[in-house]
Amino acid sequence: MKLKSLLTAGPFVGAALFFAGFLPLSAQAQEFSESHIEAARQVVKETKALGSFDDILPLLAEQTRTLFIQSDPSRTQEVVDVSTEVALKLAPRRSELNNSIYEIWARRFSEEELNQLAEFYRSPIGTKLAENGPTITALAIGAARQWQDAISTEMVTLVREELDKRAAE
């Protein structure tokens, strides 16, 4: 499922989106040259960063269908038809998201740096990183969660033991 890919798309996508939220509106409205945005577009293309957002609109359409069908099951087919039509009408707006992502990259890297990144991601090792990045990130998150669970259990046990020891004293 692409939503899972969205959540594990790698640190470069997640960090860029996360930190963009902390920018003042004036910084978010910054203008970039066409060549700067094109350099960002190339990096995003080479990192395959946009693919992780492909299921947003279909997921929203499905959620909308479910909402309307639950409120009036007798109109199920009509709801399916209308929500599909509306989703298709909204599909061209995907470019808004893409442009926002290009600008996020452009804010963080100079045009020269973006060109260097694009060149790197076109190399064999860069291509391998782009292809394996999401999997590596997902595995690292899984390992961190396992470690956290183990440490959490150990911490609770050690704190309980220490508190019991102090209570006995």
C-alpha atoms as a PDB file:
ATOM      1  CA  MET A   1       0.000   0.000   0.000  1.00  0.00           C
ATOM      2  CA  LYS A   2       1.370   3.412  -0.961  1.00  0.00           C
ATOM      3  CA  LEU A   3       0.281   5.002   2.334  1.00  0.00           C
ATOM      4  CA  LYS A   4       2.777   2.751   4.085  1.00  0.00           C
ATOM      5  CA  SER A   5       5.368   3.929   1.571  1.00  0.00           C
ATOM      6  CA  LEU A   6       4.484   7.485   2.480  1.00  0.00           C
ATOM      7  CA  LEU A   7       5.285   6.765   6.101  1.00  0.00           C
ATOM      8  CA  THR A   8       8.564   5.055   5.239  1.00  0.00           C
ATOM      9  CA  ALA A   9       9.628   7.194   2.286  1.00  0.00           C
ATOM     10  CA  GLY A  10      12.936   7.996   3.831  1.00  0.00           C
ATOM     11  CA  PRO A  11      14.447  10.706   5.894  1.00  0.00           C
ATOM     12  CA  PHE A  12      14.874  13.153   3.027  1.00  0.00           C
ATOM     13  CA  VAL A  13      11.130  13.312   2.320  1.00  0.00           C
ATOM     14  CA  GLY A  14       9.910  13.141   5.904  1.00  0.00           C
ATOM     15  CA  ALA A  15      12.394  15.670   7.212  1.00  0.00           C
ATOM     16  CA  ALA A  16      11.706  18.086   4.392  1.00  0.00           C
ATOM     17  CA  LEU A  17       7.956  17.962   4.963  1.00  0.00           C
ATOM     18  CA  PHE A  18       8.313  18.137   8.750  1.00  0.00           C
ATOM     19  CA  PHE A  19      10.558  21.182   8.797  1.00  0.00           C
ATOM     20  CA  ALA A  20       8.552  23.015   6.140  1.00  0.00           C
ATOM     21  CA  GLY A  21       5.770  23.344   8.675  1.00  0.00           C
ATOM     22  CA  PHE A  22       7.983  25.463  10.926  1.00  0.00           C
ATOM     23  CA  LEU A  23       8.738  28.110   8.346  1.00  0.00           C
ATOM     24  CA  PRO A  24       7.072  31.488   8.595  1.00  0.00           C
ATOM     25  CA  LEU A  25       4.623  32.155   5.782  1.00  0.00           C
ATOM     26  CA  SER A  26       6.918  34.782   4.289  1.00  0.00           C
ATOM     27  CA  ALA A  27       9.669  32.188   3.896  1.00  0.00           C
ATOM     28  CA  GLN A  28       7.226  29.741   2.347  1.00  0.00           C
ATOM     29  CA  ALA A  29       6.250  32.323  -0.257  1.00  0.00           C
ATOM     30  CA  GLN A  30       9.878  32.728  -1.396  1.00  0.00           C
ATOM     31  CA  GLU A  31      10.380  32.938  -5.135  1.00  0.00           C
ATOM     32  CA  PHE A  32      12.816  30.660  -6.926  1.00  0.00           C
ATOM     33  CA  SER A  33      14.196  30.790 -10.435  1.00  0.00           C
ATOM     34  CA  GLU A  34      12.849  28.288 -12.932  1.00  0.00           C
ATOM     35  CA  SER A  35      16.270  26.634 -13.086  1.00  0.00           C
ATOM     36  CA  HIS A  36      16.363  26.295  -9.280  1.00  0.00           C
ATOM     37  CA  ILE A  37      12.913  24.648  -9.252  1.00  0.00           C
ATOM     38  CA  GLU A  38      13.936  22.471 -12.193  1.00  0.00           C
ATOM     39  CA  ALA A  39      17.009  21.323 -10.249  1.00  0.00           C
ATOM     40  CA  ALA A  40      14.753  20.484  -7.292  1.00  0.00           C
ATOM     41  CA  ARG A  41      12.353  18.670  -9.644  1.00  0.00           C
ATOM     42  CA  GLN A  42      15.247  16.560 -10.932  1.00  0.00           C
ATOM     43  CA  VAL A  43      16.323  15.552  -7.418  1.00  0.00           C
ATOM     44  CA  VAL A  44      12.754  14.676  -6.469  1.00  0.00           C
ATOM     45  CA  LYS A  45      12.427  12.645  -9.670  1.00  0.00           C
ATOM     46  CA  GLU A  46      15.709  10.810  -9.103  1.00  0.00           C
ATOM     47  CA  THR A  47      14.871  10.036  -5.464  1.00  0.00           C
ATOM     48  CA  LYS A  48      11.436   8.772  -6.524  1.00  0.00           C
ATOM     49  CA  ALA A  49      10.050  10.897  -3.694  1.00  0.00           C
ATOM     50  CA  LEU A  50       6.696  11.683  -5.313  1.00  0.00           C
ATOM     51  CA  GLY A  51       5.579   8.078  -5.691  1.00  0.00           C
ATOM     52  CA  SER A  52       4.941   7.821  -1.990  1.00  0.00           C
ATOM     53  CA  PHE A  53       2.099  10.344  -2.372  1.00  0.00           C
ATOM     54  CA  ASP A  54       0.297   8.600  -5.244  1.00  0.00           C
ATOM     55  CA  ASP A  55      -2.400   7.070  -3.082  1.00  0.00           C
ATOM     56  CA  ILE A  56      -3.482  10.229  -1.274  1.00  0.00           C
ATOM     57  CA  LEU A  57      -6.351  11.065  -3.620  1.00  0.00           C
ATOM     58  CA  PRO A  58      -7.600   7.474  -4.035  1.00  0.00           C
ATOM     59  CA  LEU A  59      -7.465   7.039  -0.258  1.00  0.00           C
ATOM     60  CA  LEU A  60      -9.413  10.252   0.279  1.00  0.00           C
ATOM     61  CA  ALA A  61     -11.978   9.154  -2.314  1.00  0.00           C
ATOM     62  CA  GLU A  62     -12.389   5.817  -0.526  1.00  0.00           C
ATOM     63  CA  GLN A  63     -12.771   7.514   2.853  1.00  0.00           C
ATOM     64  CA  THR A  64     -15.346   9.899   1.378  1.00  0.00           C
ATOM     65  CA  ARG A  65     -17.259   6.989  -0.183  1.00  0.00           C
ATOM     66  CA  THR A  66     -17.296   5.177   3.150  1.00  0.00           C
ATOM     67  CA  LEU A  67     -18.556   8.265   4.964  1.00  0.00           C
ATOM     68  CA  PHE A  68     -21.425   8.863   2.557  1.00  0.00           C
ATOM     69  CA  ILE A  69     -22.346   5.196   2.184  1.00  0.00           C
ATOM     70  CA  GLN A  70     -22.534   4.786   5.966  1.00  0.00           C
ATOM     71  CA  SER A  71     -24.919   7.715   6.200  1.00  0.00           C
ATOM     72  CA  ASP A  72     -27.142   6.489   3.322  1.00  0.00           C
ATOM     73  CA  PRO A  73     -26.452   2.917   2.141  1.00  0.00           C
ATOM     74  CA  SER A  74     -29.343   3.054  -0.319  1.00  0.00           C
ATOM     75  CA  ARG A  75     -27.303   5.447  -2.484  1.00  0.00           C
ATOM     76  CA  THR A  76     -24.152   3.304  -2.609  1.00  0.00           C
ATOM     77  CA  GLN A  77     -23.761   3.204  -6.396  1.00  0.00           C
ATOM     78  CA  GLU A  78     -24.512   6.897  -6.718  1.00  0.00           C
ATOM     79  CA  VAL A  79     -21.941   7.705  -4.015  1.00  0.00           C
ATOM     80  CA  VAL A  80     -19.332   5.534  -5.763  1.00  0.00           C
ATOM     81  CA  ASP A  81     -20.009   7.214  -9.107  1.00  0.00           C
ATOM     82  CA  VAL A  82     -19.977  10.773  -7.743  1.00  0.00           C
ATOM     83  CA  SER A  83     -16.922  10.303  -5.549  1.00  0.00           C
ATOM     84  CA  THR A  84     -15.024   8.807  -8.492  1.00  0.00           C
ATOM     85  CA  GLU A  85     -16.042  11.735 -10.711  1.00  0.00           C
ATOM     86  CA  VAL A  86     -14.976  14.257  -8.082  1.00  0.00           C
ATOM     87  CA  ALA A  87     -11.650  12.476  -7.502  1.00  0.00           C
ATOM     88  CA  LEU A  88     -10.945  12.576 -11.229  1.00  0.00           C
ATOM     89  CA  LYS A  89     -11.782  16.300 -11.312  1.00  0.00           C
ATOM     90  CA  LEU A  90      -9.378  16.909  -8.416  1.00  0.00           C
ATOM     91  CA  ALA A  91      -6.549  14.791  -9.881  1.00  0.00           C
ATOM     92  CA  PRO A  92      -5.007  17.668 -11.871  1.00  0.00           C
ATOM     93  CA  ARG A  93      -4.431  19.483  -8.586  1.00  0.00           C
ATOM     94  CA  ARG A  94      -1.727  16.936  -7.754  1.00  0.00           C
ATOM     95  CA  SER A  95       0.711  19.358  -9.361  1.00  0.00           C
ATOM     96  CA  GLU A  96       0.115  21.675  -6.372  1.00  0.00           C
ATOM     97  CA  LEU A  97       1.587  19.046  -4.053  1.00  0.00           C
ATOM     98  CA  ASN A  98       4.451  18.338  -6.439  1.00  0.00           C
ATOM     99  CA  ASN A  99       5.290  22.048  -6.676  1.00  0.00           C
ATOM    100  CA  SER A 100       5.232  22.367  -2.885  1.00  0.00           C
ATOM    101  CA  ILE A 101       7.690  19.499  -2.606  1.00  0.00           C
ATOM    102  CA  TYR A 102       9.983  21.054  -5.221  1.00  0.00           C
ATOM    103  CA  GLU A 103       9.929  24.304  -3.250  1.00  0.00           C
ATOM    104  CA  ILE A 104      10.712  22.459  -0.011  1.00  0.00           C
ATOM    105  CA  TRP A 105      13.859  21.097  -1.631  1.00  0.00           C
ATOM    106  CA  ALA A 106      14.680  24.481  -3.189  1.00  0.00           C
ATOM    107  CA  ARG A 107      14.455  26.164   0.229  1.00  0.00           C
ATOM    108  CA  ARG A 108      16.966  23.751   1.711  1.00  0.00           C
ATOM    109  CA  PHE A 109      19.486  23.474  -1.112  1.00  0.00           C
ATOM    110  CA  SER A 110      21.055  25.905  -3.555  1.00  0.00           C
ATOM    111  CA  GLU A 111      20.574  25.262  -7.238  1.00  0.00           C
ATOM    112  CA  GLU A 112      24.175  24.034  -7.464  1.00  0.00           C
ATOM    113  CA  GLU A 113      23.662  21.624  -4.559  1.00  0.00           C
ATOM    114  CA  LEU A 114      20.469  20.300  -6.135  1.00  0.00           C
ATOM    115  CA  ASN A 115      22.298  19.687  -9.413  1.00  0.00           C
ATOM    116  CA  GLN A 116      24.977  17.788  -7.494  1.00  0.00           C
ATOM    117  CA  LEU A 117      22.333  15.743  -5.680  1.00  0.00           C
ATOM    118  CA  ALA A 118      20.560  14.903  -8.933  1.00  0.00           C
ATOM    119  CA  GLU A 119      23.876  13.814 -10.420  1.00  0.00           C
ATOM    120  CA  PHE A 120      24.550  11.644  -7.369  1.00  0.00           C
ATOM    121  CA  TYR A 121      21.103  10.004  -7.542  1.00  0.00           C
ATOM    122  CA  ARG A 122      21.678   9.232 -11.229  1.00  0.00           C
ATOM    123  CA  SER A 123      24.849   7.310 -10.326  1.00  0.00           C
ATOM    124  CA  PRO A 124      24.619   3.581  -9.612  1.00  0.00           C
ATOM    125  CA  ILE A 125      25.073   4.075  -5.859  1.00  0.00           C
ATOM    126  CA  GLY A 126      22.577   6.951  -5.808  1.00  0.00           C
ATOM    127  CA  THR A 127      20.026   4.874  -7.705  1.00  0.00           C
ATOM    128  CA  LYS A 128      20.572   2.040  -5.251  1.00  0.00           C
ATOM    129  CA  LEU A 129      20.055   4.442  -2.339  1.00  0.00           C
ATOM    130  CA  ALA A 130      16.834   5.821  -3.858  1.00  0.00           C
ATOM    131  CA  GLU A 131      15.504   2.295  -4.444  1.00  0.00           C
ATOM    132  CA  ASN A 132      16.510   0.918  -1.036  1.00  0.00           C
ATOM    133  CA  GLY A 133      16.077   4.019   1.120  1.00  0.00           C
ATOM    134  CA  PRO A 134      12.430   3.410   2.031  1.00  0.00           C
ATOM    135  CA  THR A 135      13.098  -0.239   2.925  1.00  0.00           C
ATOM    136  CA  ILE A 136      16.157   0.647   4.986  1.00  0.00           C
ATOM    137  CA  THR A 137      14.200   3.363   6.783  1.00  0.00           C
ATOM    138  CA  ALA A 138      11.302   0.987   7.487  1.00  0.00           C
ATOM    139  CA  LEU A 139      13.687  -1.659   8.832  1.00  0.00           C
ATOM    140  CA  ALA A 140      15.495   0.924  10.961  1.00  0.00           C
ATOM    141  CA  ILE A 141      12.186   2.148  12.388  1.00  0.00           C
ATOM    142  CA  GLY A 142      11.218  -1.459  13.138  1.00  0.00           C
ATOM    143  CA  ALA A 143      14.540  -2.069  14.867  1.00  0.00           C
ATOM    144  CA  ALA A 144      14.130   1.136  16.881  1.00  0.00           C
ATOM    145  CA  ARG A 145      10.630   0.087  17.961  1.00  0.00           C
ATOM    146  CA  GLN A 146      11.861  -3.348  19.054  1.00  0.00           C
ATOM    147  CA  TRP A 147      14.697  -1.774  20.995  1.00  0.00           C
ATOM    148  CA  GLN A 148      12.328   0.762  22.538  1.00  0.00           C
ATOM    149  CA  ASP A 149       9.943  -1.996  23.630  1.00  0.00           C
ATOM    150  CA  ALA A 150      12.772  -3.985  25.210  1.00  0.00           C
ATOM    151  CA  ILE A 151      14.244  -0.956  26.970  1.00  0.00           C
ATOM    152  CA  SER A 152      10.778   0.147  28.118  1.00  0.00           C
ATOM    153  CA  THR A 153      10.114  -3.223  29.714  1.00  0.00           C
ATOM    154  CA  GLU A 154      13.534  -3.232  31.335  1.00  0.00           C
ATOM    155  CA  MET A 155      13.099   0.344  32.586  1.00  0.00           C
ATOM    156  CA  VAL A 156       9.725  -0.421  34.164  1.00  0.00           C
ATOM    157  CA  THR A 157      11.178  -3.512  35.839  1.00  0.00           C
ATOM    158  CA  LEU A 158      14.240  -1.670  37.166  1.00  0.00           C
ATOM    159  CA  VAL A 159      12.206   1.309  38.407  1.00  0.00           C
ATOM    160  CA  ARG A 160       9.713  -1.032  40.106  1.00  0.00           C
ATOM    161  CA  GLU A 161      12.553  -2.948  41.766  1.00  0.00           C
ATOM    162  CA  GLU A 162      14.227   0.239  42.976  1.00  0.00           C
ATOM    163  CA  LEU A 163      10.984   1.681  44.302  1.00  0.00           C
ATOM    164  CA  ASP A 164      10.179  -1.569  46.096  1.00  0.00           C
ATOM    165  CA  LYS A 165      13.705  -1.599  47.562  1.00  0.00           C
ATOM    166  CA  ARG A 166      13.372   1.983  48.787  1.00  0.00           C
ATOM    167  CA  ALA A 167       9.921   1.321  50.211  1.00  0.00           C
ATOM    168  CA  ALA A 168      11.321  -1.625  52.170  1.00  0.00           C
ATOM    169  CA  GLU A 169      14.112   0.480  53.685  1.00  0.00           C
END
